[in-house]
Amino acid sequence: MVSRWAGLGHAWRRAVQVARLMIGVPDYDTYVEHMRRHHPDREVMSYARFFDERLQARYRGGGGRCC
């Protein structure tokens, strides 16, 4: 029964990640994992800083996405 719960937990986390990507919310946990694996010498940003930088990158230019 434990493996079933672990599998459901993984599926839930993946579904949340996909939903966030669909609506444009960055996934901090994926960022942290990437930084620790590929850039262990660099400092990991706090969640607040990460989120702010993602928003700036998305809406840079001030015009938004309107036609």
PDB file of N, CA and C in Angstrom:
ATOM      1  N   MET A   1       0.814  -1.195   0.000  1.00  0.00           N
ATOM      2  CA  MET A   1       0.000   0.000   0.000  1.00  0.00           C
ATOM      3  C   MET A   1       0.861   1.264   0.000  1.00  0.00           C
ATOM      4  N   VAL A   2       2.037   1.189   0.598  1.00  0.00           N
ATOM      5  CA  VAL A   2       2.909   2.357   0.656  1.00  0.00           C
ATOM      6  C   VAL A   2       3.319   2.796  -0.744  1.00  0.00           C
ATOM      7  N   SER A   3       3.648   1.851  -1.630  1.00  0.00           N
ATOM      8  CA  SER A   3       4.066   2.219  -2.982  1.00  0.00           C
ATOM      9  C   SER A   3       2.924   2.878  -3.756  1.00  0.00           C
ATOM     10  N   ARG A   4       1.702   2.475  -3.497  1.00  0.00           N
ATOM     11  CA  ARG A   4       0.565   3.102  -4.164  1.00  0.00           C
ATOM     12  C   ARG A   4       0.468   4.569  -3.757  1.00  0.00           C
ATOM     13  N   TRP A   5       0.640   4.853  -2.458  1.00  0.00           N
ATOM     14  CA  TRP A   5       0.584   6.238  -1.979  1.00  0.00           C
ATOM     15  C   TRP A   5       1.748   7.052  -2.537  1.00  0.00           C
ATOM     16  N   ALA A   6       2.912   6.432  -2.628  1.00  0.00           N
ATOM     17  CA  ALA A   6       4.068   7.136  -3.195  1.00  0.00           C
ATOM     18  C   ALA A   6       3.816   7.460  -4.660  1.00  0.00           C
ATOM     19  N   GLY A   7       3.241   6.529  -5.383  1.00  0.00           N
ATOM     20  CA  GLY A   7       2.919   6.757  -6.788  1.00  0.00           C
ATOM     21  C   GLY A   7       1.889   7.852  -6.968  1.00  0.00           C
ATOM     22  N   LEU A   8       0.877   7.872  -6.095  1.00  0.00           N
ATOM     23  CA  LEU A   8      -0.138   8.921  -6.154  1.00  0.00           C
ATOM     24  C   LEU A   8       0.464  10.286  -5.818  1.00  0.00           C
ATOM     25  N   GLY A   9       1.376  10.303  -4.855  1.00  0.00           N
ATOM     26  CA  GLY A   9       2.038  11.553  -4.490  1.00  0.00           C
ATOM     27  C   GLY A   9       2.848  12.105  -5.649  1.00  0.00           C
ATOM     28  N   HIS A  10       3.567  11.231  -6.336  1.00  0.00           N
ATOM     29  CA  HIS A  10       4.355  11.655  -7.499  1.00  0.00           C
ATOM     30  C   HIS A  10       3.441  12.154  -8.607  1.00  0.00           C
ATOM     31  N   ALA A  11       2.366  11.436  -8.858  1.00  0.00           N
ATOM     32  CA  ALA A  11       1.421  11.839  -9.904  1.00  0.00           C
ATOM     33  C   ALA A  11       0.799  13.195  -9.570  1.00  0.00           C
ATOM     34  N   TRP A  12       0.459  13.407  -8.294  1.00  0.00           N
ATOM     35  CA  TRP A  12      -0.125  14.680  -7.887  1.00  0.00           C
ATOM     36  C   TRP A  12       0.866  15.824  -8.095  1.00  0.00           C
ATOM     37  N   ARG A  13       2.119  15.644  -7.671  1.00  0.00           N
ATOM     38  CA  ARG A  13       3.129  16.694  -7.845  1.00  0.00           C
ATOM     39  C   ARG A  13       3.335  17.014  -9.318  1.00  0.00           C
ATOM     40  N   ARG A  14       3.331  15.998 -10.155  1.00  0.00           N
ATOM     41  CA  ARG A  14       3.507  16.205 -11.590  1.00  0.00           C
ATOM     42  C   ARG A  14       2.300  16.950 -12.180  1.00  0.00           C
ATOM     43  N   ALA A  15       1.105  16.582 -11.742  1.00  0.00           N
ATOM     44  CA  ALA A  15      -0.098  17.262 -12.234  1.00  0.00           C
ATOM     45  C   ALA A  15      -0.094  18.738 -11.827  1.00  0.00           C
ATOM     46  N   VAL A  16       0.329  19.028 -10.624  1.00  0.00           N
ATOM     47  CA  VAL A  16       0.418  20.417 -10.167  1.00  0.00           C
ATOM     48  C   VAL A  16       1.449  21.169 -10.997  1.00  0.00           C
ATOM     49  N   GLN A  17       2.587  20.538 -11.261  1.00  0.00           N
ATOM     50  CA  GLN A  17       3.632  21.170 -12.071  1.00  0.00           C
ATOM     51  C   GLN A  17       3.112  21.500 -13.465  1.00  0.00           C
ATOM     52  N   VAL A  18       2.424  20.562 -14.096  1.00  0.00           N
ATOM     53  CA  VAL A  18       1.870  20.779 -15.439  1.00  0.00           C
ATOM     54  C   VAL A  18       0.832  21.900 -15.420  1.00  0.00           C
ATOM     55  N   ALA A  19      -0.032  21.894 -14.412  1.00  0.00           N
ATOM     56  CA  ALA A  19      -1.046  22.945 -14.313  1.00  0.00           C
ATOM     57  C   ALA A  19      -0.401  24.319 -14.162  1.00  0.00           C
ATOM     58  N   ARG A  20       0.636  24.401 -13.350  1.00  0.00           N
ATOM     59  CA  ARG A  20       1.334  25.683 -13.184  1.00  0.00           C
ATOM     60  C   ARG A  20       1.956  26.140 -14.498  1.00  0.00           C
ATOM     61  N   LEU A  21       2.544  25.226 -15.226  1.00  0.00           N
ATOM     62  CA  LEU A  21       3.146  25.590 -16.505  1.00  0.00           C
ATOM     63  C   LEU A  21       2.091  26.061 -17.496  1.00  0.00           C
ATOM     64  N   MET A  22       0.911  25.457 -17.456  1.00  0.00           N
ATOM     65  CA  MET A  22      -0.156  25.832 -18.379  1.00  0.00           C
ATOM     66  C   MET A  22      -0.652  27.256 -18.147  1.00  0.00           C
ATOM     67  N   ILE A  23      -0.661  27.684 -16.891  1.00  0.00           N
ATOM     68  CA  ILE A  23      -1.140  29.031 -16.595  1.00  0.00           C
ATOM     69  C   ILE A  23      -0.001  30.024 -16.428  1.00  0.00           C
ATOM     70  N   GLY A  24       1.221  29.564 -16.600  1.00  0.00           N
ATOM     71  CA  GLY A  24       2.359  30.475 -16.586  1.00  0.00           C
ATOM     72  C   GLY A  24       2.979  30.736 -15.236  1.00  0.00           C
ATOM     73  N   VAL A  25       2.685  29.923 -14.252  1.00  0.00           N
ATOM     74  CA  VAL A  25       3.303  30.078 -12.937  1.00  0.00           C
ATOM     75  C   VAL A  25       4.573  29.240 -12.917  1.00  0.00           C
ATOM     76  N   PRO A  26       5.720  29.850 -12.623  1.00  0.00           N
ATOM     77  CA  PRO A  26       6.979  29.107 -12.629  1.00  0.00           C
ATOM     78  C   PRO A  26       7.033  28.074 -11.505  1.00  0.00           C
ATOM     79  N   ASP A  27       7.772  26.997 -11.730  1.00  0.00           N
ATOM     80  CA  ASP A  27       7.880  25.916 -10.753  1.00  0.00           C
ATOM     81  C   ASP A  27       9.197  26.043  -9.998  1.00  0.00           C
ATOM     82  N   TYR A  28       9.130  26.516  -8.770  1.00  0.00           N
ATOM     83  CA  TYR A  28      10.317  26.766  -7.957  1.00  0.00           C
ATOM     84  C   TYR A  28      11.065  25.477  -7.643  1.00  0.00           C
ATOM     85  N   ASP A  29      10.354  24.406  -7.333  1.00  0.00           N
ATOM     86  CA  ASP A  29      11.017  23.142  -6.986  1.00  0.00           C
ATOM     87  C   ASP A  29      11.865  22.623  -8.145  1.00  0.00           C
ATOM     88  N   THR A  30      11.371  22.750  -9.364  1.00  0.00           N
ATOM     89  CA  THR A  30      12.135  22.331 -10.534  1.00  0.00           C
ATOM     90  C   THR A  30      13.379  23.192 -10.684  1.00  0.00           C
ATOM     91  N   TYR A  31      13.244  24.482 -10.447  1.00  0.00           N
ATOM     92  CA  TYR A  31      14.380  25.402 -10.509  1.00  0.00           C
ATOM     93  C   TYR A  31      15.447  25.010  -9.486  1.00  0.00           C
ATOM     94  N   VAL A  32      15.035  24.753  -8.246  1.00  0.00           N
ATOM     95  CA  VAL A  32      15.984  24.389  -7.187  1.00  0.00           C
ATOM     96  C   VAL A  32      16.713  23.104  -7.544  1.00  0.00           C
ATOM     97  N   GLU A  33      15.984  22.109  -8.015  1.00  0.00           N
ATOM     98  CA  GLU A  33      16.600  20.836  -8.407  1.00  0.00           C
ATOM     99  C   GLU A  33      17.606  21.046  -9.538  1.00  0.00           C
ATOM    100  N   HIS A  34      17.237  21.853 -10.524  1.00  0.00           N
ATOM    101  CA  HIS A  34      18.133  22.141 -11.646  1.00  0.00           C
ATOM    102  C   HIS A  34      19.410  22.822 -11.151  1.00  0.00           C
ATOM    103  N   MET A  35      19.257  23.814 -10.298  1.00  0.00           N
ATOM    104  CA  MET A  35      20.417  24.547  -9.799  1.00  0.00           C
ATOM    105  C   MET A  35      21.351  23.640  -9.006  1.00  0.00           C
ATOM    106  N   ARG A  36      20.800  22.784  -8.187  1.00  0.00           N
ATOM    107  CA  ARG A  36      21.633  21.889  -7.366  1.00  0.00           C
ATOM    108  C   ARG A  36      22.348  20.842  -8.222  1.00  0.00           C
ATOM    109  N   ARG A  37      21.706  20.383  -9.278  1.00  0.00           N
ATOM    110  CA  ARG A  37      22.330  19.375 -10.144  1.00  0.00           C
ATOM    111  C   ARG A  37      23.352  19.964 -11.105  1.00  0.00           C
ATOM    112  N   HIS A  38      22.994  21.087 -11.730  1.00  0.00           N
ATOM    113  CA  HIS A  38      23.803  21.609 -12.822  1.00  0.00           C
ATOM    114  C   HIS A  38      24.682  22.805 -12.455  1.00  0.00           C
ATOM    115  N   HIS A  39      24.362  23.485 -11.367  1.00  0.00           N
ATOM    116  CA  HIS A  39      25.121  24.674 -10.969  1.00  0.00           C
ATOM    117  C   HIS A  39      25.348  24.678  -9.456  1.00  0.00           C
ATOM    118  N   PRO A  40      26.009  23.644  -8.923  1.00  0.00           N
ATOM    119  CA  PRO A  40      26.160  23.548  -7.464  1.00  0.00           C
ATOM    120  C   PRO A  40      26.979  24.689  -6.860  1.00  0.00           C
ATOM    121  N   ASP A  41      27.758  25.378  -7.673  1.00  0.00           N
ATOM    122  CA  ASP A  41      28.577  26.476  -7.180  1.00  0.00           C
ATOM    123  C   ASP A  41      27.805  27.789  -7.074  1.00  0.00           C
ATOM    124  N   ARG A  42      26.616  27.854  -7.641  1.00  0.00           N
ATOM    125  CA  ARG A  42      25.819  29.087  -7.634  1.00  0.00           C
ATOM    126  C   ARG A  42      24.776  29.052  -6.526  1.00  0.00           C
ATOM    127  N   GLU A  43      24.448  30.225  -6.022  1.00  0.00           N
ATOM    128  CA  GLU A  43      23.457  30.338  -4.957  1.00  0.00           C
ATOM    129  C   GLU A  43      22.043  30.191  -5.526  1.00  0.00           C
ATOM    130  N   VAL A  44      21.194  29.469  -4.812  1.00  0.00           N
ATOM    131  CA  VAL A  44      19.801  29.287  -5.210  1.00  0.00           C
ATOM    132  C   VAL A  44      19.006  30.484  -4.705  1.00  0.00           C
ATOM    133  N   MET A  45      18.237  31.103  -5.596  1.00  0.00           N
ATOM    134  CA  MET A  45      17.414  32.256  -5.214  1.00  0.00           C
ATOM    135  C   MET A  45      16.309  31.839  -4.253  1.00  0.00           C
ATOM    136  N   SER A  46      15.883  32.778  -3.430  1.00  0.00           N
ATOM    137  CA  SER A  46      14.726  32.530  -2.570  1.00  0.00           C
ATOM    138  C   SER A  46      13.489  32.434  -3.463  1.00  0.00           C
ATOM    139  N   TYR A  47      12.401  31.882  -2.916  1.00  0.00           N
ATOM    140  CA  TYR A  47      11.183  31.761  -3.708  1.00  0.00           C
ATOM    141  C   TYR A  47      10.692  33.135  -4.156  1.00  0.00           C
ATOM    142  N   ALA A  48      10.728  34.108  -3.258  1.00  0.00           N
ATOM    143  CA  ALA A  48      10.236  35.450  -3.592  1.00  0.00           C
ATOM    144  C   ALA A  48      11.055  36.065  -4.726  1.00  0.00           C
ATOM    145  N   ARG A  49      12.367  35.948  -4.653  1.00  0.00           N
ATOM    146  CA  ARG A  49      13.219  36.511  -5.706  1.00  0.00           C
ATOM    147  C   ARG A  49      13.012  35.781  -7.033  1.00  0.00           C
ATOM    148  N   PHE A  50      12.928  34.450  -6.968  1.00  0.00           N
ATOM    149  CA  PHE A  50      12.693  33.643  -8.160  1.00  0.00           C
ATOM    150  C   PHE A  50      11.383  34.046  -8.827  1.00  0.00           C
ATOM    151  N   PHE A  51      10.317  34.153  -8.046  1.00  0.00           N
ATOM    152  CA  PHE A  51       9.010  34.492  -8.586  1.00  0.00           C
ATOM    153  C   PHE A  51       9.030  35.888  -9.198  1.00  0.00           C
ATOM    154  N   ASP A  52       9.668  36.838  -8.515  1.00  0.00           N
ATOM    155  CA  ASP A  52       9.757  38.197  -9.036  1.00  0.00           C
ATOM    156  C   ASP A  52      10.518  38.228 -10.359  1.00  0.00           C
ATOM    157  N   GLU A  53      11.626  37.518 -10.440  1.00  0.00           N
ATOM    158  CA  GLU A  53      12.394  37.486 -11.690  1.00  0.00           C
ATOM    159  C   GLU A  53      11.613  36.842 -12.822  1.00  0.00           C
ATOM    160  N   ARG A  54      10.852  35.799 -12.536  1.00  0.00           N
ATOM    161  CA  ARG A  54      10.039  35.157 -13.566  1.00  0.00           C
ATOM    162  C   ARG A  54       8.958  36.108 -14.058  1.00  0.00           C
ATOM    163  N   LEU A  55       8.335  36.851 -13.138  1.00  0.00           N
ATOM    164  CA  LEU A  55       7.318  37.817 -13.554  1.00  0.00           C
ATOM    165  C   LEU A  55       7.935  38.913 -14.416  1.00  0.00           C
ATOM    166  N   GLN A  56       9.101  39.395 -14.023  1.00  0.00           N
ATOM    167  CA  GLN A  56       9.783  40.431 -14.799  1.00  0.00           C
ATOM    168  C   GLN A  56      10.113  39.914 -16.198  1.00  0.00           C
ATOM    169  N   ALA A  57      10.588  38.683 -16.281  1.00  0.00           N
ATOM    170  CA  ALA A  57      10.938  38.103 -17.582  1.00  0.00           C
ATOM    171  C   ALA A  57       9.691  37.931 -18.447  1.00  0.00           C
ATOM    172  N   ARG A  58       8.593  37.579 -17.840  1.00  0.00           N
ATOM    173  CA  ARG A  58       7.367  37.337 -18.602  1.00  0.00           C
ATOM    174  C   ARG A  58       6.736  38.622 -19.114  1.00  0.00           C
ATOM    175  N   TYR A  59       6.755  39.652 -18.281  1.00  0.00           N
ATOM    176  CA  TYR A  59       6.054  40.884 -18.642  1.00  0.00           C
ATOM    177  C   TYR A  59       6.981  42.038 -18.975  1.00  0.00           C
ATOM    178  N   ARG A  60       8.240  41.751 -19.246  1.00  0.00           N
ATOM    179  CA  ARG A  60       9.188  42.795 -19.593  1.00  0.00           C
ATOM    180  C   ARG A  60       8.708  43.546 -20.835  1.00  0.00           C
ATOM    181  N   GLY A  61       8.926  44.807 -20.855  1.00  0.00           N
ATOM    182  CA  GLY A  61       8.505  45.614 -21.996  1.00  0.00           C
ATOM    183  C   GLY A  61       7.256  46.404 -21.680  1.00  0.00           C
ATOM    184  N   GLY A  62       6.560  46.053 -20.632  1.00  0.00           N
ATOM    185  CA  GLY A  62       5.423  46.831 -20.184  1.00  0.00           C
ATOM    186  C   GLY A  62       4.171  46.707 -21.030  1.00  0.00           C
ATOM    187  N   GLY A  63       4.260  46.169 -22.221  1.00  0.00           N
ATOM    188  CA  GLY A  63       3.098  46.126 -23.102  1.00  0.00           C
ATOM    189  C   GLY A  63       2.161  44.986 -22.834  1.00  0.00           C
ATOM    190  N   GLY A  64       2.612  43.981 -22.120  1.00  0.00           N
ATOM    191  CA  GLY A  64       1.764  42.813 -21.882  1.00  0.00           C
ATOM    192  C   GLY A  64       1.577  42.021 -23.175  1.00  0.00           C
ATOM    193  N   ARG A  65       0.533  41.223 -23.209  1.00  0.00           N
ATOM    194  CA  ARG A  65       0.286  40.348 -24.374  1.00  0.00           C
ATOM    195  C   ARG A  65      -0.918  40.785 -25.177  1.00  0.00           C
ATOM    196  N   CYS A  66      -1.446  41.926 -24.890  1.00  0.00           N
ATOM    197  CA  CYS A  66      -2.624  42.364 -25.610  1.00  0.00           C
ATOM    198  C   CYS A  66      -2.303  42.668 -27.068  1.00  0.00           C
ATOM    199  N   CYS A  67      -3.275  42.495 -27.950  1.00  0.00           N
ATOM    200  CA  CYS A  67      -3.096  42.740 -29.372  1.00  0.00           C
ATOM    201  C   CYS A  67      -2.784  44.198 -29.605  1.00  0.00           C
TER     202      CYS A  67
END
